[in-house]
N, C-alpha and C. Protein backbone atom coordinates (compact mmCIF):
# COMPACT_ATOMS: atom_id res chain seq x y z
N MET A 1 -11.10 32.83 -28.44
CA MET A 1 -9.79 32.52 -27.91
C MET A 1 -9.91 31.28 -27.02
N ALA A 2 -9.09 30.30 -27.28
CA ALA A 2 -9.13 29.04 -26.53
C ALA A 2 -8.45 29.20 -25.19
N LYS A 3 -9.05 28.60 -24.19
CA LYS A 3 -8.46 28.64 -22.84
C LYS A 3 -7.47 27.49 -22.70
N PRO A 4 -6.33 27.74 -22.04
CA PRO A 4 -5.39 26.64 -21.80
C PRO A 4 -5.99 25.64 -20.84
N SER A 5 -5.63 24.40 -21.01
CA SER A 5 -6.16 23.36 -20.12
C SER A 5 -5.59 23.53 -18.72
N ALA A 6 -6.38 23.14 -17.74
CA ALA A 6 -5.97 23.30 -16.35
C ALA A 6 -4.88 22.32 -15.95
N GLY A 7 -4.89 21.13 -16.52
CA GLY A 7 -3.92 20.10 -16.13
C GLY A 7 -2.84 19.92 -17.18
N ALA A 8 -1.91 20.83 -17.26
CA ALA A 8 -0.84 20.72 -18.24
C ALA A 8 0.06 19.54 -17.90
N VAL A 9 0.46 18.83 -18.91
CA VAL A 9 1.32 17.66 -18.74
C VAL A 9 2.76 18.12 -18.71
N THR A 10 3.49 17.68 -17.68
CA THR A 10 4.90 18.03 -17.58
C THR A 10 5.70 16.76 -17.39
N GLY A 11 6.98 16.85 -17.57
CA GLY A 11 7.85 15.69 -17.37
C GLY A 11 8.75 15.47 -18.56
N VAL A 12 9.45 14.37 -18.52
CA VAL A 12 10.38 14.02 -19.59
C VAL A 12 9.62 13.29 -20.68
N PRO A 13 9.70 13.74 -21.92
CA PRO A 13 9.00 13.05 -23.00
C PRO A 13 9.50 11.61 -23.15
N ILE A 14 8.61 10.72 -23.53
CA ILE A 14 8.97 9.32 -23.72
C ILE A 14 10.01 9.21 -24.83
N GLY A 15 11.02 8.43 -24.58
CA GLY A 15 12.04 8.21 -25.58
C GLY A 15 13.13 9.26 -25.61
N SER A 16 13.17 10.12 -24.61
CA SER A 16 14.17 11.19 -24.63
C SER A 16 15.33 10.95 -23.68
N ALA A 17 15.28 9.90 -22.89
CA ALA A 17 16.39 9.62 -21.98
C ALA A 17 17.59 9.14 -22.79
N SER A 18 18.76 9.33 -22.24
CA SER A 18 19.95 8.87 -22.95
C SER A 18 20.56 7.68 -22.20
N TRP A 19 21.38 6.94 -22.90
CA TRP A 19 22.06 5.80 -22.31
C TRP A 19 23.01 6.30 -21.23
N SER A 20 23.16 5.53 -20.17
CA SER A 20 24.02 5.95 -19.05
C SER A 20 25.50 5.86 -19.40
N THR A 21 25.85 5.04 -20.38
CA THR A 21 27.24 4.92 -20.83
C THR A 21 27.26 4.95 -22.35
N GLY A 22 28.41 5.27 -22.88
CA GLY A 22 28.56 5.33 -24.33
C GLY A 22 28.73 3.95 -24.95
N LEU A 23 28.53 3.90 -26.25
CA LEU A 23 28.66 2.65 -26.98
C LEU A 23 30.08 2.09 -26.89
N CYS A 24 31.06 2.96 -26.87
CA CYS A 24 32.47 2.53 -26.87
C CYS A 24 33.11 2.55 -25.49
N ASP A 25 32.30 2.52 -24.44
CA ASP A 25 32.82 2.50 -23.07
C ASP A 25 33.00 1.06 -22.57
N CYS A 26 33.33 0.17 -23.47
CA CYS A 26 33.44 -1.26 -23.13
C CYS A 26 34.42 -1.54 -22.01
N PHE A 27 35.51 -0.77 -21.95
CA PHE A 27 36.55 -1.06 -20.97
C PHE A 27 36.24 -0.51 -19.58
N ASP A 28 35.04 0.07 -19.41
CA ASP A 28 34.61 0.46 -18.07
C ASP A 28 34.45 -0.77 -17.18
N ASP A 29 34.17 -1.90 -17.77
CA ASP A 29 34.04 -3.17 -17.06
C ASP A 29 34.81 -4.22 -17.87
N CYS A 30 36.08 -4.40 -17.51
CA CYS A 30 36.95 -5.29 -18.29
C CYS A 30 36.48 -6.74 -18.28
N GLY A 31 35.92 -7.19 -17.17
CA GLY A 31 35.40 -8.56 -17.10
C GLY A 31 34.27 -8.77 -18.10
N LEU A 32 33.35 -7.82 -18.13
CA LEU A 32 32.25 -7.88 -19.08
C LEU A 32 32.77 -7.80 -20.52
N CYS A 33 33.74 -6.94 -20.73
CA CYS A 33 34.33 -6.78 -22.07
C CYS A 33 34.93 -8.10 -22.55
N CYS A 34 35.68 -8.77 -21.69
CA CYS A 34 36.31 -10.05 -22.07
C CYS A 34 35.26 -11.13 -22.30
N THR A 35 34.28 -11.21 -21.41
CA THR A 35 33.21 -12.20 -21.57
C THR A 35 32.50 -12.00 -22.90
N THR A 36 32.16 -10.76 -23.20
CA THR A 36 31.44 -10.46 -24.44
C THR A 36 32.30 -10.68 -25.67
N CYS A 37 33.58 -10.39 -25.55
CA CYS A 37 34.49 -10.59 -26.68
C CYS A 37 34.60 -12.07 -27.05
N TRP A 38 34.77 -12.92 -26.04
CA TRP A 38 35.00 -14.34 -26.29
C TRP A 38 33.72 -15.16 -26.37
N CYS A 39 32.67 -14.73 -25.67
CA CYS A 39 31.43 -15.51 -25.67
C CYS A 39 30.23 -14.56 -25.55
N PRO A 40 29.92 -13.84 -26.62
CA PRO A 40 28.83 -12.85 -26.56
C PRO A 40 27.47 -13.47 -26.25
N CYS A 41 27.33 -14.77 -26.47
CA CYS A 41 26.05 -15.41 -26.17
C CYS A 41 25.72 -15.34 -24.68
N ILE A 42 26.73 -15.31 -23.82
CA ILE A 42 26.49 -15.20 -22.37
C ILE A 42 25.93 -13.82 -22.05
N THR A 43 26.58 -12.78 -22.55
CA THR A 43 26.10 -11.42 -22.30
C THR A 43 24.71 -11.24 -22.89
N PHE A 44 24.51 -11.72 -24.11
CA PHE A 44 23.19 -11.58 -24.73
C PHE A 44 22.14 -12.31 -23.91
N GLY A 45 22.42 -13.53 -23.48
CA GLY A 45 21.45 -14.30 -22.70
C GLY A 45 21.05 -13.58 -21.42
N ARG A 46 22.01 -12.97 -20.76
CA ARG A 46 21.72 -12.23 -19.52
C ARG A 46 20.86 -11.01 -19.81
N VAL A 47 21.18 -10.29 -20.88
CA VAL A 47 20.39 -9.11 -21.25
C VAL A 47 18.97 -9.54 -21.64
N ALA A 48 18.86 -10.59 -22.44
CA ALA A 48 17.55 -11.07 -22.89
C ALA A 48 16.67 -11.47 -21.71
N GLU A 49 17.24 -12.16 -20.73
CA GLU A 49 16.45 -12.58 -19.57
C GLU A 49 15.92 -11.37 -18.81
N MET A 50 16.75 -10.35 -18.65
CA MET A 50 16.32 -9.16 -17.91
C MET A 50 15.28 -8.36 -18.71
N VAL A 51 15.50 -8.20 -20.00
CA VAL A 51 14.57 -7.43 -20.83
C VAL A 51 13.22 -8.14 -20.94
N ASP A 52 13.24 -9.46 -21.04
CA ASP A 52 11.99 -10.23 -21.12
C ASP A 52 11.39 -10.53 -19.76
N ARG A 53 11.99 -9.99 -18.71
CA ARG A 53 11.49 -10.14 -17.34
C ARG A 53 11.31 -11.61 -16.96
N GLY A 54 12.30 -12.42 -17.34
CA GLY A 54 12.32 -13.81 -16.93
C GLY A 54 11.60 -14.78 -17.84
N SER A 55 10.85 -14.29 -18.83
CA SER A 55 10.13 -15.22 -19.70
C SER A 55 11.07 -15.94 -20.67
N THR A 56 12.22 -15.35 -20.96
CA THR A 56 13.28 -16.02 -21.72
C THR A 56 14.44 -16.23 -20.76
N SER A 57 14.87 -17.47 -20.58
CA SER A 57 15.99 -17.71 -19.66
C SER A 57 17.29 -17.31 -20.32
N CYS A 58 18.30 -17.09 -19.50
CA CYS A 58 19.63 -16.76 -20.00
C CYS A 58 20.13 -17.86 -20.93
N GLY A 59 19.95 -19.09 -20.53
CA GLY A 59 20.41 -20.23 -21.33
C GLY A 59 19.72 -20.32 -22.68
N THR A 60 18.41 -20.12 -22.69
CA THR A 60 17.65 -20.19 -23.94
C THR A 60 18.05 -19.06 -24.89
N GLY A 61 18.07 -17.84 -24.37
CA GLY A 61 18.45 -16.69 -25.20
C GLY A 61 19.87 -16.81 -25.72
N GLY A 62 20.78 -17.22 -24.84
CA GLY A 62 22.18 -17.37 -25.23
C GLY A 62 22.38 -18.48 -26.25
N ALA A 63 21.67 -19.59 -26.07
CA ALA A 63 21.80 -20.71 -27.01
C ALA A 63 21.27 -20.34 -28.39
N LEU A 64 20.14 -19.64 -28.42
CA LEU A 64 19.59 -19.22 -29.71
C LEU A 64 20.53 -18.24 -30.41
N TYR A 65 21.10 -17.32 -29.63
CA TYR A 65 22.07 -16.37 -30.17
C TYR A 65 23.27 -17.12 -30.75
N ALA A 66 23.79 -18.10 -30.02
CA ALA A 66 24.95 -18.88 -30.48
C ALA A 66 24.62 -19.67 -31.75
N LEU A 67 23.44 -20.26 -31.81
CA LEU A 67 23.04 -21.00 -33.01
C LEU A 67 22.92 -20.07 -34.22
N LEU A 68 22.32 -18.90 -34.01
CA LEU A 68 22.21 -17.93 -35.10
C LEU A 68 23.59 -17.49 -35.57
N CYS A 69 24.49 -17.32 -34.63
CA CYS A 69 25.86 -16.91 -34.96
C CYS A 69 26.58 -18.00 -35.73
N ALA A 70 26.44 -19.23 -35.29
CA ALA A 70 27.16 -20.34 -35.90
C ALA A 70 26.66 -20.70 -37.29
N PHE A 71 25.34 -20.61 -37.50
CA PHE A 71 24.79 -21.11 -38.75
C PHE A 71 24.34 -20.04 -39.74
N THR A 72 24.07 -18.82 -39.28
CA THR A 72 23.54 -17.81 -40.21
C THR A 72 24.31 -16.50 -40.21
N TRP A 73 25.06 -16.24 -39.20
CA TRP A 73 25.74 -14.95 -39.00
C TRP A 73 24.74 -13.79 -38.92
N CYS A 74 23.51 -14.09 -38.54
CA CYS A 74 22.47 -13.06 -38.43
C CYS A 74 22.07 -12.81 -36.98
N GLN A 75 22.95 -13.11 -36.04
CA GLN A 75 22.64 -12.89 -34.63
C GLN A 75 22.38 -11.42 -34.34
N PHE A 76 22.95 -10.53 -35.14
CA PHE A 76 22.74 -9.10 -34.93
C PHE A 76 21.26 -8.73 -35.07
N ALA A 77 20.54 -9.40 -35.96
CA ALA A 77 19.12 -9.11 -36.14
C ALA A 77 18.33 -9.49 -34.89
N TYR A 78 18.70 -10.60 -34.28
CA TYR A 78 18.04 -11.06 -33.05
C TYR A 78 18.36 -10.12 -31.89
N SER A 79 19.62 -9.73 -31.78
CA SER A 79 20.00 -8.88 -30.65
C SER A 79 19.49 -7.45 -30.81
N CYS A 80 19.30 -6.98 -32.03
CA CYS A 80 18.79 -5.61 -32.19
C CYS A 80 17.33 -5.52 -31.75
N VAL A 81 16.59 -6.63 -31.83
CA VAL A 81 15.21 -6.66 -31.34
C VAL A 81 15.19 -6.38 -29.84
N TYR A 82 16.14 -6.96 -29.12
CA TYR A 82 16.19 -6.75 -27.67
C TYR A 82 16.64 -5.33 -27.32
N ARG A 83 17.47 -4.74 -28.14
CA ARG A 83 17.85 -3.34 -27.91
C ARG A 83 16.60 -2.45 -28.05
N GLY A 84 15.78 -2.75 -29.03
CA GLY A 84 14.53 -2.01 -29.21
C GLY A 84 13.59 -2.18 -28.03
N LYS A 85 13.48 -3.42 -27.53
CA LYS A 85 12.63 -3.67 -26.35
C LYS A 85 13.15 -2.89 -25.15
N MET A 86 14.46 -2.89 -24.99
CA MET A 86 15.08 -2.20 -23.86
C MET A 86 14.83 -0.69 -23.95
N ARG A 87 14.98 -0.14 -25.15
CA ARG A 87 14.72 1.29 -25.34
C ARG A 87 13.28 1.62 -24.98
N ALA A 88 12.35 0.78 -25.40
CA ALA A 88 10.94 1.02 -25.11
C ALA A 88 10.65 0.93 -23.62
N GLN A 89 11.24 -0.04 -22.93
CA GLN A 89 11.00 -0.21 -21.50
C GLN A 89 11.54 0.95 -20.67
N HIS A 90 12.68 1.48 -21.07
CA HIS A 90 13.36 2.49 -20.26
C HIS A 90 13.32 3.88 -20.86
N GLY A 91 12.57 4.08 -21.94
CA GLY A 91 12.43 5.40 -22.54
C GLY A 91 13.73 5.95 -23.10
N LEU A 92 14.55 5.08 -23.66
CA LEU A 92 15.84 5.51 -24.21
C LEU A 92 15.66 6.01 -25.64
N GLY A 93 16.50 6.95 -26.03
CA GLY A 93 16.42 7.54 -27.37
C GLY A 93 16.89 6.58 -28.45
N ASP A 94 16.99 7.05 -29.66
CA ASP A 94 17.41 6.35 -30.87
C ASP A 94 16.18 5.83 -31.62
N ALA A 95 16.43 5.07 -32.66
CA ALA A 95 15.35 4.54 -33.49
C ALA A 95 15.67 3.11 -33.90
N ALA A 96 14.67 2.43 -34.43
CA ALA A 96 14.84 1.02 -34.81
C ALA A 96 15.95 0.85 -35.84
N CYS A 97 16.04 1.76 -36.79
CA CYS A 97 17.10 1.67 -37.80
C CYS A 97 18.47 1.78 -37.14
N ALA A 98 18.58 2.69 -36.19
CA ALA A 98 19.85 2.84 -35.47
C ALA A 98 20.19 1.58 -34.68
N ASP A 99 19.18 0.93 -34.09
CA ASP A 99 19.42 -0.32 -33.36
C ASP A 99 20.04 -1.37 -34.27
N CYS A 100 19.48 -1.52 -35.45
CA CYS A 100 20.00 -2.52 -36.39
C CYS A 100 21.42 -2.18 -36.84
N CYS A 101 21.66 -0.90 -37.11
CA CYS A 101 23.00 -0.49 -37.54
C CYS A 101 24.02 -0.73 -36.43
N VAL A 102 23.66 -0.36 -35.21
CA VAL A 102 24.57 -0.54 -34.08
C VAL A 102 24.90 -2.01 -33.89
N HIS A 103 23.89 -2.86 -33.95
CA HIS A 103 24.14 -4.29 -33.75
C HIS A 103 24.84 -4.94 -34.94
N PHE A 104 24.64 -4.41 -36.13
CA PHE A 104 25.34 -4.96 -37.30
C PHE A 104 26.82 -4.61 -37.26
N TRP A 105 27.14 -3.34 -36.99
CA TRP A 105 28.52 -2.87 -37.05
C TRP A 105 29.27 -3.05 -35.73
N CYS A 106 28.58 -2.95 -34.61
CA CYS A 106 29.25 -2.97 -33.29
C CYS A 106 28.49 -3.86 -32.32
N ASN A 107 28.22 -5.09 -32.70
CA ASN A 107 27.38 -5.97 -31.91
C ASN A 107 27.89 -6.15 -30.49
N LYS A 108 29.15 -6.43 -30.33
CA LYS A 108 29.69 -6.70 -28.99
C LYS A 108 29.68 -5.44 -28.14
N CYS A 109 29.98 -4.29 -28.74
CA CYS A 109 29.91 -3.03 -27.99
C CYS A 109 28.47 -2.74 -27.56
N ALA A 110 27.51 -3.03 -28.45
CA ALA A 110 26.10 -2.81 -28.13
C ALA A 110 25.66 -3.71 -26.98
N LEU A 111 26.08 -4.98 -27.00
CA LEU A 111 25.72 -5.89 -25.91
C LEU A 111 26.29 -5.40 -24.58
N CYS A 112 27.54 -4.94 -24.61
CA CYS A 112 28.16 -4.40 -23.38
C CYS A 112 27.40 -3.18 -22.89
N GLN A 113 27.01 -2.29 -23.80
CA GLN A 113 26.29 -1.08 -23.41
C GLN A 113 24.94 -1.44 -22.79
N GLU A 114 24.23 -2.38 -23.36
CA GLU A 114 22.94 -2.79 -22.82
C GLU A 114 23.10 -3.40 -21.43
N TYR A 115 24.11 -4.23 -21.26
CA TYR A 115 24.39 -4.84 -19.95
C TYR A 115 24.70 -3.75 -18.92
N ARG A 116 25.58 -2.80 -19.29
CA ARG A 116 25.94 -1.72 -18.37
C ARG A 116 24.72 -0.87 -18.03
N GLU A 117 23.82 -0.69 -18.98
CA GLU A 117 22.60 0.09 -18.73
C GLU A 117 21.74 -0.60 -17.68
N LEU A 118 21.62 -1.91 -17.77
CA LEU A 118 20.86 -2.66 -16.77
C LEU A 118 21.49 -2.51 -15.39
N VAL A 119 22.81 -2.59 -15.33
CA VAL A 119 23.52 -2.42 -14.05
C VAL A 119 23.30 -1.01 -13.51
N ALA A 120 23.37 -0.02 -14.38
CA ALA A 120 23.17 1.37 -13.95
C ALA A 120 21.75 1.59 -13.43
N ARG A 121 20.81 0.80 -13.88
CA ARG A 121 19.43 0.92 -13.42
C ARG A 121 19.13 0.05 -12.21
N GLY A 122 20.18 -0.53 -11.61
CA GLY A 122 20.04 -1.25 -10.35
C GLY A 122 19.89 -2.76 -10.47
N TYR A 123 19.96 -3.30 -11.66
CA TYR A 123 19.86 -4.74 -11.84
C TYR A 123 21.23 -5.39 -11.78
N ASP A 124 21.26 -6.67 -11.45
CA ASP A 124 22.48 -7.46 -11.56
C ASP A 124 22.17 -8.61 -12.51
N PRO A 125 22.46 -8.43 -13.81
CA PRO A 125 22.09 -9.44 -14.80
C PRO A 125 22.69 -10.82 -14.55
N LYS A 126 23.79 -10.90 -13.81
CA LYS A 126 24.39 -12.21 -13.50
C LYS A 126 23.43 -13.06 -12.66
N LEU A 127 22.61 -12.42 -11.85
CA LEU A 127 21.70 -13.14 -10.97
C LEU A 127 20.47 -13.66 -11.70
N GLY A 128 20.12 -13.07 -12.81
CA GLY A 128 18.90 -13.44 -13.51
C GLY A 128 17.72 -12.64 -12.99
N TRP A 129 16.62 -12.72 -13.70
CA TRP A 129 15.44 -11.91 -13.39
C TRP A 129 14.85 -12.26 -12.03
N HIS A 130 14.64 -13.54 -11.77
CA HIS A 130 13.94 -13.94 -10.55
C HIS A 130 14.71 -13.56 -9.28
N LEU A 131 16.01 -13.73 -9.26
CA LEU A 131 16.79 -13.32 -8.08
C LEU A 131 16.83 -11.80 -7.94
N ASN A 132 16.80 -11.07 -9.04
CA ASN A 132 16.73 -9.62 -8.96
C ASN A 132 15.41 -9.18 -8.35
N VAL A 133 14.32 -9.86 -8.71
CA VAL A 133 13.01 -9.55 -8.14
C VAL A 133 13.02 -9.85 -6.64
N GLU A 134 13.56 -11.02 -6.26
CA GLU A 134 13.64 -11.37 -4.84
C GLU A 134 14.51 -10.38 -4.08
N ARG A 135 15.61 -9.98 -4.67
CA ARG A 135 16.51 -9.02 -4.04
C ARG A 135 15.80 -7.69 -3.82
N GLY A 136 15.00 -7.27 -4.80
CA GLY A 136 14.24 -6.03 -4.68
C GLY A 136 13.18 -6.13 -3.60
N ALA A 137 12.51 -7.28 -3.51
CA ALA A 137 11.48 -7.49 -2.49
C ALA A 137 12.11 -7.53 -1.10
N ALA A 138 13.29 -8.17 -1.00
CA ALA A 138 13.98 -8.25 0.29
C ALA A 138 14.44 -6.87 0.73
N ALA A 139 14.90 -6.07 -0.21
CA ALA A 139 15.34 -4.71 0.12
C ALA A 139 14.16 -3.87 0.60
N ALA A 140 13.00 -4.06 -0.04
CA ALA A 140 11.82 -3.31 0.36
C ALA A 140 11.34 -3.77 1.74
N ALA A 141 11.42 -5.08 2.00
CA ALA A 141 11.00 -5.61 3.30
C ALA A 141 11.95 -5.20 4.41
N GLY A 142 13.22 -5.02 4.08
CA GLY A 142 14.22 -4.65 5.08
C GLY A 142 14.33 -3.16 5.32
N ALA A 143 13.55 -2.38 4.61
CA ALA A 143 13.59 -0.93 4.78
C ALA A 143 13.06 -0.55 6.16
N ALA A 144 13.59 0.50 6.70
CA ALA A 144 13.15 0.96 8.02
C ALA A 144 11.70 1.41 7.95
N PRO A 145 10.92 1.07 8.96
CA PRO A 145 9.52 1.50 8.96
C PRO A 145 9.42 3.01 9.14
N ALA A 146 8.31 3.55 8.69
CA ALA A 146 8.09 4.99 8.81
C ALA A 146 7.94 5.36 10.28
N VAL A 147 8.37 6.55 10.63
CA VAL A 147 8.25 7.04 12.00
C VAL A 147 6.79 7.31 12.30
N GLN A 148 6.32 6.76 13.43
CA GLN A 148 4.94 6.96 13.82
C GLN A 148 4.91 7.78 15.09
N HIS A 149 3.98 8.69 15.16
CA HIS A 149 3.85 9.54 16.34
C HIS A 149 2.67 9.06 17.18
N MET A 150 2.85 9.13 18.49
CA MET A 150 1.77 8.74 19.39
C MET A 150 0.81 9.91 19.53
N GLY A 151 -0.42 9.62 19.51
CA GLY A 151 -1.43 10.67 19.66
C GLY A 151 -2.53 10.22 20.59
N ARG A 152 -3.29 11.14 21.05
CA ARG A 152 -4.40 10.79 21.93
C ARG A 152 -5.68 10.75 21.22
């Protein structure tokens, strides 16, 4: 008879978290909805910069998205890659096939959902990656120090 291991692993399985908002909750943020409707390259660029942790700038990601949209109509393939990266980083459910389907059929809704997810996780995609990092460092530096007791 096998003995159970002493250090059982507990916690939430990887990939089991759910999105904080639904795919069709676009009107939760009307400004974002309008921006994404008229110029999805802006929303995509902001999401790409945050997901790539600053290695892709908002301008670069957005420009590439716009070029793909203008000349190939295959921008959904590019944006679904970032949805997959985001799912992997944050342990969100779904699968690669679902990412492609969502971005093919509901690209703008998917971009809005990804943006809202970043906001729900404490980021401000409008600021870009580097200002979000600075903001996080400033918040940590401004935190109240731990209470210390005097002893002999």
